[in-house]
Amino acid sequence: MDDAFLAQQREKLLEKRRELRLALNLTTQEETGEEVKDPLDAAVTYANRELAARQAEQYRQLLQDVEEALERIADGTYGICQGSGEEIPRKRLEAVPWARYTAAYQEKIERGLVTE
C-alpha cells in the first residue's frame, strides 16, 4: 500500500470514528424520567428503547472495527486479510475502510466454512 492511499484511508477512518462517537453519545444519553401510563404508549416506548439499544451496540461494534483498522495502519498490517493473509483489494478498502478480510474470505465466514 502506498503512503498516499494509507493517509486517505486513515482520514476516512478518523472521520467515521468521530461520527460513531457522536452518535453513541446521542444514543446513550438518559431518557426523560417521565412515566408512560397508556399501555400502548408504554409498548411503543419500550420498542423504541430496544431499537436504540440494538443500534448503539452496532455502533459500538463498528467503532471497534474502525479502531482496529487504525491500529493496523499504524503497525503496517492494514490491507492484509486476517484470515488468509492475502492482500485485500484496494476497491474493497475504499468501500469498507475497516475491512478485515477479503470478500471471498468474508463469504466463507458467513457460510460457516471458517471461523473468525
C-alpha atoms as a PDB file:
ATOM      1  CA  MET A   1       0.000   0.000   0.000  1.00  0.00           C
ATOM      2  CA  ASP A   2       1.330   3.393  -0.920  1.00  0.00           C
ATOM      3  CA  ASP A   3       1.562   6.178   1.662  1.00  0.00           C
ATOM      4  CA  ALA A   4      -0.993   8.441  -0.056  1.00  0.00           C
ATOM      5  CA  PHE A   5      -3.628   5.688  -0.048  1.00  0.00           C
ATOM      6  CA  LEU A   6      -2.928   4.856   3.605  1.00  0.00           C
ATOM      7  CA  ALA A   7      -3.218   8.548   4.559  1.00  0.00           C
ATOM      8  CA  GLN A   8      -6.525   8.788   2.695  1.00  0.00           C
ATOM      9  CA  GLN A   9      -7.861   5.658   4.414  1.00  0.00           C
ATOM     10  CA  ARG A  10      -6.679   6.919   7.801  1.00  0.00           C
ATOM     11  CA  GLU A  11      -8.626  10.157   7.299  1.00  0.00           C
ATOM     12  CA  LYS A  12     -11.753   8.204   6.319  1.00  0.00           C
ATOM     13  CA  LEU A  13     -11.410   6.055   9.425  1.00  0.00           C
ATOM     14  CA  LEU A  14     -10.850   9.048  11.697  1.00  0.00           C
ATOM     15  CA  GLU A  15     -13.968  10.742  10.285  1.00  0.00           C
ATOM     16  CA  LYS A  16     -16.018   7.573  10.757  1.00  0.00           C
ATOM     17  CA  ARG A  17     -14.733   7.321  14.328  1.00  0.00           C
ATOM     18  CA  ARG A  18     -15.854  10.910  15.016  1.00  0.00           C
ATOM     19  CA  GLU A  19     -19.308  10.166  13.560  1.00  0.00           C
ATOM     20  CA  LEU A  20     -19.726   6.992  15.611  1.00  0.00           C
ATOM     21  CA  ARG A  21     -18.576   8.617  18.837  1.00  0.00           C
ATOM     22  CA  LEU A  22     -21.048  11.443  18.297  1.00  0.00           C
ATOM     23  CA  ALA A  23     -23.859   9.006  17.508  1.00  0.00           C
ATOM     24  CA  LEU A  24     -23.056   6.897  20.569  1.00  0.00           C
ATOM     25  CA  ASN A  25     -23.053   9.995  22.747  1.00  0.00           C
ATOM     26  CA  LEU A  26     -26.503  10.910  21.484  1.00  0.00           C
ATOM     27  CA  THR A  27     -27.979   7.409  21.789  1.00  0.00           C
ATOM     28  CA  THR A  28     -26.636   6.729  25.261  1.00  0.00           C
ATOM     29  CA  GLN A  29     -27.960   9.891  26.885  1.00  0.00           C
ATOM     30  CA  GLU A  30     -30.583   9.319  29.560  1.00  0.00           C
ATOM     31  CA  GLU A  31     -34.237   9.393  28.588  1.00  0.00           C
ATOM     32  CA  THR A  32     -36.519  11.734  30.464  1.00  0.00           C
ATOM     33  CA  GLY A  33     -37.878  10.099  33.589  1.00  0.00           C
ATOM     34  CA  GLU A  34     -41.489  10.501  32.554  1.00  0.00           C
ATOM     35  CA  GLU A  35     -43.765   7.591  33.352  1.00  0.00           C
ATOM     36  CA  VAL A  36     -45.843   6.336  30.437  1.00  0.00           C
ATOM     37  CA  LYS A  37     -49.354   5.494  31.619  1.00  0.00           C
ATOM     38  CA  ASP A  38     -51.044   4.326  28.429  1.00  0.00           C
ATOM     39  CA  PRO A  39     -50.175   0.642  27.745  1.00  0.00           C
ATOM     40  CA  LEU A  40     -49.875   1.227  24.005  1.00  0.00           C
ATOM     41  CA  ASP A  41     -47.572   4.214  24.535  1.00  0.00           C
ATOM     42  CA  ALA A  42     -45.549   2.142  27.000  1.00  0.00           C
ATOM     43  CA  ALA A  43     -45.157  -0.640  24.425  1.00  0.00           C
ATOM     44  CA  VAL A  44     -44.052   1.816  21.743  1.00  0.00           C
ATOM     45  CA  THR A  45     -41.619   3.453  24.151  1.00  0.00           C
ATOM     46  CA  TYR A  46     -40.183   0.051  25.093  1.00  0.00           C
ATOM     47  CA  ALA A  47     -39.818  -0.943  21.434  1.00  0.00           C
ATOM     48  CA  ASN A  48     -38.079   2.343  20.644  1.00  0.00           C
ATOM     49  CA  ARG A  49     -35.653   1.877  23.533  1.00  0.00           C
ATOM     50  CA  GLU A  50     -34.878  -1.673  22.390  1.00  0.00           C
ATOM     51  CA  LEU A  51     -34.236  -0.449  18.859  1.00  0.00           C
ATOM     52  CA  ALA A  52     -31.962   2.316  20.166  1.00  0.00           C
ATOM     53  CA  ALA A  53     -30.061  -0.201  22.297  1.00  0.00           C
ATOM     54  CA  ARG A  54     -29.506  -2.505  19.299  1.00  0.00           C
ATOM     55  CA  GLN A  55     -28.396   0.420  17.169  1.00  0.00           C
ATOM     56  CA  ALA A  56     -25.984   1.587  19.878  1.00  0.00           C
ATOM     57  CA  GLU A  57     -24.484  -1.922  20.042  1.00  0.00           C
ATOM     58  CA  GLN A  58     -23.997  -1.920  16.261  1.00  0.00           C
ATOM     59  CA  TYR A  59     -22.295   1.472  16.525  1.00  0.00           C
ATOM     60  CA  ARG A  60     -20.021   0.197  19.303  1.00  0.00           C
ATOM     61  CA  GLN A  61     -19.001  -2.817  17.199  1.00  0.00           C
ATOM     62  CA  LEU A  62     -18.341  -0.652  14.159  1.00  0.00           C
ATOM     63  CA  LEU A  63     -16.331   1.765  16.293  1.00  0.00           C
ATOM     64  CA  GLN A  64     -14.214  -1.156  17.495  1.00  0.00           C
ATOM     65  CA  ASP A  65     -13.664  -2.250  13.868  1.00  0.00           C
ATOM     66  CA  VAL A  66     -12.600   1.300  12.956  1.00  0.00           C
ATOM     67  CA  GLU A  67     -10.209   1.491  15.921  1.00  0.00           C
ATOM     68  CA  GLU A  68      -8.657  -1.849  14.929  1.00  0.00           C
ATOM     69  CA  ALA A  69      -8.219  -0.658  11.330  1.00  0.00           C
ATOM     70  CA  LEU A  70      -6.405   2.448  12.590  1.00  0.00           C
ATOM     71  CA  GLU A  71      -4.126   0.163  14.638  1.00  0.00           C
ATOM     72  CA  ARG A  72      -3.421  -1.925  11.530  1.00  0.00           C
ATOM     73  CA  ILE A  73      -2.422   1.222   9.636  1.00  0.00           C
ATOM     74  CA  ALA A  74      -0.075   2.132  12.491  1.00  0.00           C
ATOM     75  CA  ASP A  75       1.531  -1.310  12.684  1.00  0.00           C
ATOM     76  CA  GLY A  76       1.793  -1.851   8.925  1.00  0.00           C
ATOM     77  CA  THR A  77      -0.711  -4.695   8.569  1.00  0.00           C
ATOM     78  CA  TYR A  78      -3.556  -2.676   7.023  1.00  0.00           C
ATOM     79  CA  GLY A  79      -4.905  -4.231   3.844  1.00  0.00           C
ATOM     80  CA  ILE A  80      -3.872  -7.781   4.700  1.00  0.00           C
ATOM     81  CA  CYS A  81      -6.682 -10.308   5.184  1.00  0.00           C
ATOM     82  CA  GLN A  82      -6.609 -11.524   8.779  1.00  0.00           C
ATOM     83  CA  GLY A  83      -7.866 -14.932   7.695  1.00  0.00           C
ATOM     84  CA  SER A  84      -5.999 -15.806   4.531  1.00  0.00           C
ATOM     85  CA  GLY A  85      -3.031 -13.443   4.676  1.00  0.00           C
ATOM     86  CA  GLU A  86      -3.824 -12.242   1.147  1.00  0.00           C
ATOM     87  CA  GLU A  87      -3.900  -8.579   0.196  1.00  0.00           C
ATOM     88  CA  ILE A  88      -7.381  -7.041   0.427  1.00  0.00           C
ATOM     89  CA  PRO A  89      -8.221  -5.374  -2.913  1.00  0.00           C
ATOM     90  CA  ARG A  90      -7.976  -1.601  -2.898  1.00  0.00           C
ATOM     91  CA  LYS A  91     -11.585  -1.229  -4.149  1.00  0.00           C
ATOM     92  CA  ARG A  92     -12.846  -3.166  -1.102  1.00  0.00           C
ATOM     93  CA  LEU A  93     -10.825  -0.979   1.253  1.00  0.00           C
ATOM     94  CA  GLU A  94     -12.144   2.151  -0.441  1.00  0.00           C
ATOM     95  CA  ALA A  95     -15.705   0.916   0.075  1.00  0.00           C
ATOM     96  CA  VAL A  96     -15.168  -0.522   3.572  1.00  0.00           C
ATOM     97  CA  PRO A  97     -12.023   1.060   5.088  1.00  0.00           C
ATOM     98  CA  TRP A  98     -12.308  -1.112   8.220  1.00  0.00           C
ATOM     99  CA  ALA A  99     -12.465  -4.406   6.257  1.00  0.00           C
ATOM    100  CA  ARG A 100     -10.504  -7.187   7.964  1.00  0.00           C
ATOM    101  CA  TYR A 101     -10.988  -9.829   5.292  1.00  0.00           C
ATOM    102  CA  THR A 102     -11.103 -10.209   1.532  1.00  0.00           C
ATOM    103  CA  ALA A 103     -14.633 -10.542   0.164  1.00  0.00           C
ATOM    104  CA  ALA A 104     -14.020 -14.234  -0.570  1.00  0.00           C
ATOM    105  CA  TYR A 105     -12.855 -14.946   2.984  1.00  0.00           C
ATOM    106  CA  GLN A 106     -15.738 -12.910   4.449  1.00  0.00           C
ATOM    107  CA  GLU A 107     -18.146 -15.041   2.422  1.00  0.00           C
ATOM    108  CA  LYS A 108     -16.563 -18.204   3.858  1.00  0.00           C
ATOM    109  CA  ILE A 109     -17.114 -16.821   7.375  1.00  0.00           C
ATOM    110  CA  GLU A 110     -20.744 -16.002   6.618  1.00  0.00           C
ATOM    111  CA  ARG A 111     -21.328 -19.505   5.235  1.00  0.00           C
ATOM    112  CA  GLY A 112     -19.765 -21.050   8.319  1.00  0.00           C
ATOM    113  CA  LEU A 113     -16.927 -22.642   6.349  1.00  0.00           C
ATOM    114  CA  VAL A 114     -14.286 -20.955   8.527  1.00  0.00           C
ATOM    115  CA  THR A 115     -14.354 -19.220  11.897  1.00  0.00           C
ATOM    116  CA  GLU A 116     -13.113 -15.744  12.709  1.00  0.00           C
END
